[in-house]
Amino acid sequence: MDVLTLSRIQFAITSAFHFIFVPLTLGLSILIAYMEWQYVRTNDEIWLKMSKFWGKLFLINFALGIVTGITLEFQFGMNWAEYSIYVGDIFGAPLAIEATVAFFLESVFIGVWIFGWNKISKKMHAWAITIVAFATNISALWILLANGWMQNPVGAKLTQIVNNPLITQRAEMADFLAVLTNPSGWLKFFHTTVSGYVVAAFFVMGISAWHILRNNELNFFKLSFKAAAVFGLSACLLIIVTGDFHGVNIAKTQPTKLAAMEAIWETQKGAGVSVITITDEANRRNSVEILTIPKLASLLSYRDPNAVIKGLNDFPKDEIPPVSVTFYSYRLMAVLGIVMLFIAAAAVYVSRKENLEKYKGLLKIAVWSIPLPYLAGQLGWIVAEVGRQPWIVYGMLKTKDAVSRSIDVTQVLISLICFTLLYGSLGVVDIYLLSKYAKQGPMEPFVKKEA
């Protein structure tokens, strides 16, 4: 367990834990904005009640998301100092914009929304949460543009570094517009934010279903369930579309990741997709391939059923990512996406009926489905980050060359243990608070009723 391995484990744990909170923030802010505008439009108190109840859960999630995100920034300068030296001029720009524009906008207006009940007009109050929803998604844009640059580095020039025996070059910004319009960043943004909308939809559907099964506030939770189901089905359809375009872009920019995602070892023209595949990474082949659909991988990746997909065995061995982790994560993510699509479609269908509470089987499925989009999102990031290896910046800088040279194993190990304990405690707090207030229902609003 060297500094590199421990640093990778530490960043994986902290980033994965942080991303538990991010997608719910992205989607739930939009749903709450919709609910509050419905209240403005109809003056129906049930929409106000919904805004306050779901807003309470949103604030719990939002607060913990901020806390867990701060440590990620510090790791760039501590664990990954060589990375920061190499790409800081480019990678730092979108992060700085995110902090000074999107995050400040988000912070200011969430304060207005929290403390503005009964102090500003209901229309201005609805605008406050709308701006929060916009700012959270714009914040994600800048972060994902930075990540997209790591997947597909554009707009950079290499300059020589004098006095550093390990890194002799540094990437500097040559074309900010190229970084800003990088297709890899934008496709990652759309795919990631839409996955957040699925998380929020299943979160609201699941909690609503739990209360409907217990006949609690039926009108309230049936309306919440219906709104979330429509939102969720739309997001599930969009995530398939964005995922398709994202896959085409990966084929163009990261051929090793594509080959790992499809477990293609030998270069093939008109490569197919096997429904059941078992990889044999040690022998650089697949030990089992059952029910192969001819030419499907080539069609999906290049829009051409006869396109050639370069196999892993034709790449240098030291440039091939961990195939099994990438492949199985990708397959499981895709399966979960299809399952969630069917659940959301069924939820939309039954939510249109007056006797929704009688569909107990589907309601129970909705409750137990809350973790599914969280799991799919984490698997997506495993595909994105593990599939990029051994590069931290694809084709430009390898991960082993990006770790800091000024820290030792003991320091990283101690911080890893501390972070794990801290994040574990925060996870317990988060689950406790969300469970407590979700089960409590809207009977005790967190602010007094408007005059």
Foldseek 3Di string as FASTA:
>chain_A
DWLLVLLVVLLLVLVLLLVLLLLLLLALLVVLLVLLVVCVVPVDVLSVLLSQLSVVLSVLSVVVSVVSVVVNVVCCCAFQVLQCQAEVQPLVVLVVCLVVPLVVQLVVLVVCLVPVFQPDDSVVNSVSSVSNSVSSLVSLLSNLLSQLCLLFPPQWDWDADDPDPQDGIHIHGRDVVCSNVPPSSVLCSQLLNLLSSLLNLLVLLQLLLVCLLVVHPVVSSLVSLQSSLVSNLVSLVSNVVSVLVNLLVCVVRPLLLLQLQQLFAAKAFQQWHAPDWACDVVVSHIPDGHDTDTQPSVCSHNVDSGHIRHHPNPDPPQQHFPRVLLHVLNVLLVVLSVVSNVLSVVSNVLSVDPVSSVPSVSSVVSNVCSCSSSSSSSSVVCSSCRSQPQGSRRPPHGSVSRTDPPDTPVVSVVVSVVVVVVSVVSVVVSVVVSVVSSVVPSPDRPDDDHD
